[in-house]
Structure formats: C-alpha cells, structure tokens
Amino acid sequence: MPLIENGHLDFGENKVQEAITKWAEVKLTKPNIKLHLIGKLQTNKVKLALKLFDFIHSVDSKKLAKKIADEELKQNKKTKIFLQVNIGDEEQKSGIKKDYLNDLYSYCKNLKLDVVGLMCIPPANNNSEIFFKEMALLTKKLDLEELSMGMSANYFEAAKNSSTYLRIGSNIFGKRS
C-alpha cells in the first residue's frame, strides 16, 4: 500500500471483521502500524477487536467499557480509548449524552481503562464548528489529550478546533462501494 510505503502509520476501520481480513497479516509484518476502530463496537466483537486494534474511538456505554476492561485483563493488553459523545443529541446516532459523560469517564477510569480522548460525529447539515468547539471544551474539562472529530466534509473546521485525529478516508481512498 503506497501510504504505508511512504511512512503513514495510523489507519481507521469501521468494522471489526473487515479489518481482520485487511490488516491481520499486515500488522504481523509491520507492528508499528496503529489501527483505530472508529465504527460502533458490539460487545460480542470486543475479543476480536482487542486482538487487532490499538485504539477504540467508539466507547459509549458502561457495558462496553466493562467488557473491554475484562478482555484487556485476559489478553494482557492495553488499548487506547476514546469516549464517543452524541454531541448533537441525535436519537439515530451512537454516543453517550453529554449529561452522562462525566459518569462514564469516571467509570472507565475506575476500570483502569486508558481513556485518552473524546470522539464525536456532529449532526449533518449543521454548522459543525459549533459542535467541535463544544467538544474541545469537554475534552479540556476532562483534562484529556486527544480529540477524534472531523471527516472528509468538515476536517478543516475540526482541525481548527483542536482535533488530534481526523477521519478523512473517503477523501484519500474514495467513497465506500
């Protein structure tokens, strides 16, 4: 893959099963590559996800956090965790509501999860920058270092508002078929 040959090390995937097919062998030969699960993680896929991914950007419940913590102990592995915030309070989207973020964060810290940041997908057809500013404030309040927000359509605004991880796959690889 040309990106790897040119030194790019971080890659995001939406689906655990698809990522295993694409990355399991690559990770064996190139262990410095870091894989980020940016899609929804179902609890029944945690075991597989932890074997492959270095970062999980979509932790949004205590149930999922507990499953990850238990599996980390079994695998003797630490994964970097982002808590997904439903910043636009949209029913159809995953993520913890802002009002419950502090509680989930404390719960994850008590489980000894390595929570490094927050993640969001702002509402479509809105001014993303408003939501990105709010996410930057939430990240600062929790004294976290990382912020995963911004996709191909709005990455510039996300970068202006402290995003440390941008998800711009479709601008690089094209639209999914």
C-alpha atoms as a PDB file:
ATOM      1  CA  MET A   1       0.000   0.000   0.000  1.00  0.00           C
ATOM      2  CA  PRO A   2       1.541   3.319  -1.063  1.00  0.00           C
ATOM      3  CA  LEU A   3       0.583   5.103   2.173  1.00  0.00           C
ATOM      4  CA  ILE A   4       2.461   2.557   4.276  1.00  0.00           C
ATOM      5  CA  GLU A   5       5.464   2.689   1.948  1.00  0.00           C
ATOM      6  CA  ASN A   6       5.539   6.466   2.451  1.00  0.00           C
ATOM      7  CA  GLY A   7       5.528   6.187   6.237  1.00  0.00           C
ATOM      8  CA  HIS A   8       1.869   6.612   7.184  1.00  0.00           C
ATOM      9  CA  LEU A   9       1.258   4.599  10.357  1.00  0.00           C
ATOM     10  CA  ASP A  10      -2.312   5.269  11.556  1.00  0.00           C
ATOM     11  CA  PHE A  11      -5.346   3.755   9.837  1.00  0.00           C
ATOM     12  CA  GLY A  12      -9.015   3.695  10.778  1.00  0.00           C
ATOM     13  CA  GLU A  13     -11.580   0.993  10.161  1.00  0.00           C
ATOM     14  CA  ASN A  14     -15.326   0.914  10.731  1.00  0.00           C
ATOM     15  CA  LYS A  15     -15.893  -2.828  11.028  1.00  0.00           C
ATOM     16  CA  VAL A  16     -14.020  -5.423  13.070  1.00  0.00           C
ATOM     17  CA  GLN A  17     -14.476  -8.364  10.678  1.00  0.00           C
ATOM     18  CA  GLU A  18     -13.457  -6.343   7.628  1.00  0.00           C
ATOM     19  CA  ALA A  19     -10.391  -5.040   9.449  1.00  0.00           C
ATOM     20  CA  ILE A  20      -9.262  -8.551  10.370  1.00  0.00           C
ATOM     21  CA  THR A  21      -9.352  -9.538   6.701  1.00  0.00           C
ATOM     22  CA  LYS A  22      -7.417  -6.442   5.610  1.00  0.00           C
ATOM     23  CA  TRP A  23      -4.937  -5.947   8.459  1.00  0.00           C
ATOM     24  CA  ALA A  24      -4.138  -9.133  10.415  1.00  0.00           C
ATOM     25  CA  GLU A  25      -1.203 -10.148   8.200  1.00  0.00           C
ATOM     26  CA  VAL A  26      -0.024  -6.572   7.642  1.00  0.00           C
ATOM     27  CA  LYS A  27       0.188  -5.993  11.414  1.00  0.00           C
ATOM     28  CA  LEU A  28       2.364  -9.112  11.782  1.00  0.00           C
ATOM     29  CA  THR A  29       4.941  -7.769   9.330  1.00  0.00           C
ATOM     30  CA  LYS A  30       4.579  -4.095  10.268  1.00  0.00           C
ATOM     31  CA  PRO A  31       3.923  -3.914  14.030  1.00  0.00           C
ATOM     32  CA  ASN A  32       4.453  -0.129  14.114  1.00  0.00           C
ATOM     33  CA  ILE A  33       1.160   0.411  12.268  1.00  0.00           C
ATOM     34  CA  LYS A  34      -1.591   1.601  14.597  1.00  0.00           C
ATOM     35  CA  LEU A  35      -5.174   0.597  13.856  1.00  0.00           C
ATOM     36  CA  HIS A  36      -8.104   2.674  15.050  1.00  0.00           C
ATOM     37  CA  LEU A  37     -11.620   1.264  15.348  1.00  0.00           C
ATOM     38  CA  ILE A  38     -13.792   4.246  14.516  1.00  0.00           C
ATOM     39  CA  GLY A  39     -17.065   2.373  13.980  1.00  0.00           C
ATOM     40  CA  LYS A  40     -19.549   1.048  16.503  1.00  0.00           C
ATOM     41  CA  LEU A  41     -18.190  -1.818  18.602  1.00  0.00           C
ATOM     42  CA  GLN A  42     -20.622  -4.517  19.653  1.00  0.00           C
ATOM     43  CA  THR A  43     -19.802  -6.285  22.925  1.00  0.00           C
ATOM     44  CA  ASN A  44     -19.661  -9.676  21.160  1.00  0.00           C
ATOM     45  CA  LYS A  45     -16.782  -8.371  18.987  1.00  0.00           C
ATOM     46  CA  VAL A  46     -14.618  -6.962  21.811  1.00  0.00           C
ATOM     47  CA  LYS A  47     -12.337 -10.012  21.992  1.00  0.00           C
ATOM     48  CA  LEU A  48     -11.563  -9.829  18.265  1.00  0.00           C
ATOM     49  CA  ALA A  49     -11.240  -6.042  18.298  1.00  0.00           C
ATOM     50  CA  LEU A  50      -8.681  -6.019  21.105  1.00  0.00           C
ATOM     51  CA  LYS A  51      -6.512  -8.535  19.304  1.00  0.00           C
ATOM     52  CA  LEU A  52      -6.146  -6.201  16.321  1.00  0.00           C
ATOM     53  CA  PHE A  53      -6.862  -2.584  17.258  1.00  0.00           C
ATOM     54  CA  ASP A  54      -4.607  -0.205  19.167  1.00  0.00           C
ATOM     55  CA  PHE A  55      -7.307   2.463  19.595  1.00  0.00           C
ATOM     56  CA  ILE A  56     -11.080   2.254  20.014  1.00  0.00           C
ATOM     57  CA  HIS A  57     -12.826   5.543  19.261  1.00  0.00           C
ATOM     58  CA  SER A  58     -16.399   4.467  19.987  1.00  0.00           C
ATOM     59  CA  VAL A  59     -16.845   3.556  23.655  1.00  0.00           C
ATOM     60  CA  ASP A  60     -20.269   4.841  24.618  1.00  0.00           C
ATOM     61  CA  SER A  61     -21.599   2.693  27.480  1.00  0.00           C
ATOM     62  CA  LYS A  62     -20.616   1.164  30.806  1.00  0.00           C
ATOM     63  CA  LYS A  63     -21.472  -2.286  29.461  1.00  0.00           C
ATOM     64  CA  LEU A  64     -18.984  -1.903  26.599  1.00  0.00           C
ATOM     65  CA  ALA A  65     -16.343  -0.372  28.894  1.00  0.00           C
ATOM     66  CA  LYS A  66     -16.636  -3.304  31.322  1.00  0.00           C
ATOM     67  CA  LYS A  67     -16.354  -5.836  28.507  1.00  0.00           C
ATOM     68  CA  ILE A  68     -13.207  -4.097  27.215  1.00  0.00           C
ATOM     69  CA  ALA A  69     -11.661  -3.964  30.699  1.00  0.00           C
ATOM     70  CA  ASP A  70     -12.353  -7.672  31.276  1.00  0.00           C
ATOM     71  CA  GLU A  71     -10.907  -8.621  27.890  1.00  0.00           C
ATOM     72  CA  GLU A  72      -7.829  -6.449  28.395  1.00  0.00           C
ATOM     73  CA  LEU A  73      -7.057  -8.469  31.524  1.00  0.00           C
ATOM     74  CA  LYS A  74      -7.486 -11.750  29.641  1.00  0.00           C
ATOM     75  CA  GLN A  75      -5.280 -10.615  26.759  1.00  0.00           C
ATOM     76  CA  ASN A  76      -2.823  -8.689  28.949  1.00  0.00           C
ATOM     77  CA  LYS A  77      -3.157  -5.743  26.567  1.00  0.00           C
ATOM     78  CA  LYS A  78      -3.924  -2.061  26.971  1.00  0.00           C
ATOM     79  CA  THR A  79      -5.932  -0.283  24.289  1.00  0.00           C
ATOM     80  CA  LYS A  80      -6.267   3.480  23.994  1.00  0.00           C
ATOM     81  CA  ILE A  81      -9.893   4.504  24.433  1.00  0.00           C
ATOM     82  CA  PHE A  82     -11.959   7.409  23.166  1.00  0.00           C
ATOM     83  CA  LEU A  83     -15.407   8.028  24.626  1.00  0.00           C
ATOM     84  CA  GLN A  84     -17.926   8.727  21.878  1.00  0.00           C
ATOM     85  CA  VAL A  85     -20.166  11.688  22.652  1.00  0.00           C
ATOM     86  CA  ASN A  86     -23.515  12.139  20.930  1.00  0.00           C
ATOM     87  CA  ILE A  87     -22.799  15.856  20.695  1.00  0.00           C
ATOM     88  CA  GLY A  88     -25.925  16.677  18.679  1.00  0.00           C
ATOM     89  CA  ASP A  89     -28.196  14.570  20.917  1.00  0.00           C
ATOM     90  CA  GLU A  90     -29.427  12.641  17.868  1.00  0.00           C
ATOM     91  CA  GLU A  91     -31.513   9.514  18.514  1.00  0.00           C
ATOM     92  CA  GLN A  92     -30.184   7.653  15.464  1.00  0.00           C
ATOM     93  CA  LYS A  93     -26.518   8.097  16.480  1.00  0.00           C
ATOM     94  CA  SER A  94     -24.369   6.232  18.945  1.00  0.00           C
ATOM     95  CA  GLY A  95     -22.574   8.012  21.734  1.00  0.00           C
ATOM     96  CA  ILE A  96     -23.091   8.981  25.320  1.00  0.00           C
ATOM     97  CA  LYS A  97     -25.224  12.028  26.023  1.00  0.00           C
ATOM     98  CA  LYS A  98     -23.207  14.987  27.314  1.00  0.00           C
ATOM     99  CA  ASP A  99     -25.031  14.869  30.665  1.00  0.00           C
ATOM    100  CA  TYR A 100     -23.701  11.351  31.330  1.00  0.00           C
ATOM    101  CA  LEU A 101     -20.147  11.859  30.051  1.00  0.00           C
ATOM    102  CA  ASN A 102     -18.527  12.560  33.429  1.00  0.00           C
ATOM    103  CA  ASP A 103     -20.126   9.447  34.895  1.00  0.00           C
ATOM    104  CA  LEU A 104     -18.912   7.220  32.039  1.00  0.00           C
ATOM    105  CA  TYR A 105     -15.445   8.765  32.215  1.00  0.00           C
ATOM    106  CA  SER A 106     -15.186   8.080  35.971  1.00  0.00           C
ATOM    107  CA  TYR A 107     -16.439   4.539  35.465  1.00  0.00           C
ATOM    108  CA  CYS A 108     -13.807   3.884  32.778  1.00  0.00           C
ATOM    109  CA  LYS A 109     -11.035   5.328  34.942  1.00  0.00           C
ATOM    110  CA  ASN A 110     -12.131   3.070  37.834  1.00  0.00           C
ATOM    111  CA  LEU A 111     -11.857   0.110  35.440  1.00  0.00           C
ATOM    112  CA  LYS A 112      -8.286   1.272  34.676  1.00  0.00           C
ATOM    113  CA  LEU A 113      -9.097   1.847  31.004  1.00  0.00           C
ATOM    114  CA  ASP A 114      -6.654   4.110  29.189  1.00  0.00           C
ATOM    115  CA  VAL A 115      -9.084   6.867  28.218  1.00  0.00           C
ATOM    116  CA  VAL A 116      -7.083   9.248  26.043  1.00  0.00           C
ATOM    117  CA  GLY A 117      -9.800  11.381  24.475  1.00  0.00           C
ATOM    118  CA  LEU A 118     -13.281  12.023  23.162  1.00  0.00           C
ATOM    119  CA  MET A 119     -14.844  11.362  19.768  1.00  0.00           C
ATOM    120  CA  CYS A 120     -17.908  12.764  18.020  1.00  0.00           C
ATOM    121  CA  ILE A 121     -19.739  12.826  14.733  1.00  0.00           C
ATOM    122  CA  PRO A 122     -21.650  16.123  14.576  1.00  0.00           C
ATOM    123  CA  PRO A 123     -25.109  16.373  13.050  1.00  0.00           C
ATOM    124  CA  ALA A 124     -25.114  16.522   9.264  1.00  0.00           C
ATOM    125  CA  ASN A 125     -26.362  19.687   7.586  1.00  0.00           C
ATOM    126  CA  ASN A 126     -25.473  21.846  10.571  1.00  0.00           C
ATOM    127  CA  ASN A 127     -22.632  24.152  11.405  1.00  0.00           C
ATOM    128  CA  SER A 128     -20.103  21.546  12.585  1.00  0.00           C
ATOM    129  CA  GLU A 129     -17.872  24.182  14.118  1.00  0.00           C
ATOM    130  CA  ILE A 130     -20.364  24.840  16.928  1.00  0.00           C
ATOM    131  CA  PHE A 131     -20.194  21.182  17.944  1.00  0.00           C
ATOM    132  CA  PHE A 132     -16.416  20.995  17.504  1.00  0.00           C
ATOM    133  CA  LYS A 133     -15.947  23.954  19.858  1.00  0.00           C
ATOM    134  CA  GLU A 134     -18.137  22.260  22.437  1.00  0.00           C
ATOM    135  CA  MET A 135     -16.149  19.019  22.103  1.00  0.00           C
ATOM    136  CA  ALA A 136     -12.884  20.908  22.598  1.00  0.00           C
ATOM    137  CA  LEU A 137     -14.280  22.349  25.851  1.00  0.00           C
ATOM    138  CA  LEU A 138     -15.455  18.931  27.074  1.00  0.00           C
ATOM    139  CA  THR A 139     -12.028  17.454  26.311  1.00  0.00           C
ATOM    140  CA  LYS A 140     -10.312  20.238  28.201  1.00  0.00           C
ATOM    141  CA  LYS A 141     -12.656  19.861  31.213  1.00  0.00           C
ATOM    142  CA  LEU A 142     -11.724  16.188  31.495  1.00  0.00           C
ATOM    143  CA  ASP A 143      -8.043  17.058  31.015  1.00  0.00           C
ATOM    144  CA  LEU A 144      -7.724  14.676  28.059  1.00  0.00           C
ATOM    145  CA  GLU A 145      -5.077  14.985  25.360  1.00  0.00           C
ATOM    146  CA  GLU A 146      -6.838  13.631  22.267  1.00  0.00           C
ATOM    147  CA  LEU A 147      -9.907  14.595  20.275  1.00  0.00           C
ATOM    148  CA  SER A 148     -11.210  12.497  17.384  1.00  0.00           C
ATOM    149  CA  MET A 149     -13.538  14.514  15.186  1.00  0.00           C
ATOM    150  CA  GLY A 150     -13.804  15.716  11.643  1.00  0.00           C
ATOM    151  CA  MET A 151     -14.367  13.748   8.491  1.00  0.00           C
ATOM    152  CA  SER A 152     -13.850  14.424   4.807  1.00  0.00           C
ATOM    153  CA  ALA A 153     -16.577  17.084   4.684  1.00  0.00           C
ATOM    154  CA  ASN A 154     -15.551  19.049   7.776  1.00  0.00           C
ATOM    155  CA  TYR A 155     -11.999  18.154   8.752  1.00  0.00           C
ATOM    156  CA  PHE A 156     -10.693  21.710   8.347  1.00  0.00           C
ATOM    157  CA  GLU A 157     -13.127  23.064  10.959  1.00  0.00           C
ATOM    158  CA  ALA A 158     -12.280  20.132  13.246  1.00  0.00           C
ATOM    159  CA  ALA A 159      -8.551  20.820  12.969  1.00  0.00           C
ATOM    160  CA  LYS A 160      -9.141  24.500  13.807  1.00  0.00           C
ATOM    161  CA  ASN A 161     -10.914  23.317  16.976  1.00  0.00           C
ATOM    162  CA  SER A 162      -8.219  21.096  18.456  1.00  0.00           C
ATOM    163  CA  SER A 163      -8.948  17.764  16.747  1.00  0.00           C
ATOM    164  CA  THR A 164      -5.922  15.488  17.020  1.00  0.00           C
ATOM    165  CA  TYR A 165      -7.370  12.660  14.900  1.00  0.00           C
ATOM    166  CA  LEU A 166      -9.180  13.351  11.619  1.00  0.00           C
ATOM    167  CA  ARG A 167     -11.154  10.682   9.780  1.00  0.00           C
ATOM    168  CA  ILE A 168     -10.721  11.578   6.106  1.00  0.00           C
ATOM    169  CA  GLY A 169     -10.697   8.151   4.487  1.00  0.00           C
ATOM    170  CA  SER A 170     -13.131   8.898   1.671  1.00  0.00           C
ATOM    171  CA  ASN A 171     -11.003  11.891   0.572  1.00  0.00           C
ATOM    172  CA  ILE A 172      -7.995   9.573   0.387  1.00  0.00           C
ATOM    173  CA  PHE A 173      -9.435   6.196  -0.667  1.00  0.00           C
ATOM    174  CA  GLY A 174     -12.702   7.269  -2.310  1.00  0.00           C
ATOM    175  CA  LYS A 175     -16.260   6.504  -1.310  1.00  0.00           C
ATOM    176  CA  ARG A 176     -17.106   3.027   0.000  1.00  0.00           C
ATOM    177  CA  SER A 177     -18.860   0.845  -2.535  1.00  0.00           C
END
